[in-house]
Amino acid sequence: MPKILAGKYQLVRTLGRGASCKVKLANELESGRPVAIKIMNSTLDEKLKALIMNEVTAMDVLKHENIINQIEYGTG
């Protein structure tokens, strides 16, 4: 895995991992702020990928003080 992701984030370390994704701590290069990056496993079947994308879509819409703000998402 590259140390710089998408030209925007400096990866620091793995925060956790599960059956479908890893979560990495990173620093946004422009602002220096810490962010969490969820990286989907490449071996997932299409049904599980669709469930994760539903989660991503929901997080993009929901705005609440008890929900972590999603700043962007991408595939690649």
Protein backbone atom coordinates (compact mmCIF):
# COMPACT_ATOMS: atom_id res chain seq x y z
CA MET A 1 0.00 0.00 0.00
CA PRO A 2 1.36 3.46 -0.82
CA LYS A 3 2.32 5.84 1.96
CA ILE A 4 0.45 8.62 0.13
CA LEU A 5 -3.12 7.82 -0.94
CA ALA A 6 -4.83 9.67 -3.81
CA GLY A 7 -2.18 12.39 -3.61
CA LYS A 8 -4.03 13.82 -0.59
CA TYR A 9 -3.45 11.63 2.46
CA GLN A 10 -0.32 10.47 4.29
CA LEU A 11 -1.07 7.03 5.75
CA VAL A 12 0.09 6.64 9.35
CA ARG A 13 -1.08 3.26 10.67
CA THR A 14 -3.87 0.71 10.71
CA LEU A 15 -6.56 1.46 13.29
CA GLY A 16 -8.56 -1.72 12.76
CA ARG A 17 -9.62 -4.41 10.36
CA GLY A 18 -12.62 -6.59 9.79
CA ALA A 19 -13.90 -9.10 7.29
CA SER A 20 -14.66 -6.48 4.66
CA CYS A 21 -12.41 -3.45 5.27
CA LYS A 22 -9.36 -1.96 6.94
CA VAL A 23 -9.42 1.43 8.62
CA LYS A 24 -6.27 3.51 8.45
CA LEU A 25 -5.26 6.65 10.30
CA ALA A 26 -3.97 9.26 7.88
CA ASN A 27 -3.16 12.95 7.78
CA GLU A 28 -4.68 15.16 5.12
CA LEU A 29 -1.66 16.70 3.38
CA GLU A 30 -3.22 20.12 2.73
CA SER A 31 -4.54 20.81 6.24
CA GLY A 32 -2.57 18.33 8.36
CA ARG A 33 -5.77 17.20 10.08
CA PRO A 34 -6.09 13.54 11.06
CA VAL A 35 -8.63 11.45 9.14
CA ALA A 36 -9.76 7.84 9.11
CA ILE A 37 -9.75 6.05 5.77
CA LYS A 38 -11.79 2.90 5.22
CA ILE A 39 -10.27 0.64 2.55
CA MET A 40 -12.48 -2.11 1.15
CA ASN A 41 -10.93 -5.54 0.59
CA SER A 42 -10.54 -6.25 -3.13
CA THR A 43 -11.76 -9.86 -2.76
CA LEU A 44 -15.34 -9.04 -1.72
CA ASP A 45 -18.30 -10.34 -3.66
CA GLU A 46 -20.65 -7.89 -5.36
CA LYS A 47 -23.39 -8.22 -2.72
CA LEU A 48 -21.06 -7.20 0.11
CA LYS A 49 -19.59 -4.35 -1.99
CA ALA A 50 -23.14 -3.06 -2.55
CA LEU A 51 -23.85 -3.14 1.21
CA ILE A 52 -20.70 -1.16 1.93
CA MET A 53 -21.57 1.39 -0.76
CA ASN A 54 -25.01 1.80 0.88
CA GLU A 55 -23.17 2.64 4.11
CA VAL A 56 -20.98 5.15 2.24
CA THR A 57 -24.02 6.78 0.65
CA ALA A 58 -25.81 7.04 4.01
CA MET A 59 -22.77 8.59 5.69
CA ASP A 60 -22.52 11.14 2.90
CA VAL A 61 -26.11 12.30 3.53
CA LEU A 62 -26.36 12.08 7.33
CA LYS A 63 -25.23 15.11 9.31
CA HIS A 64 -25.36 14.79 13.09
CA GLU A 65 -23.04 15.61 15.99
CA ASN A 66 -22.79 11.90 16.90
CA ILE A 67 -21.91 10.74 13.36
CA ILE A 68 -18.41 11.10 11.97
CA ASN A 69 -18.38 13.46 8.99
CA GLN A 70 -17.50 11.89 5.68
CA ILE A 71 -15.36 14.23 3.61
CA GLU A 72 -15.11 12.19 0.44
CA TYR A 73 -15.18 8.72 -1.04
CA GLY A 74 -13.81 7.14 -4.15
CA THR A 75 -13.04 3.92 -5.91
CA GLY A 76 -9.93 2.86 -7.61
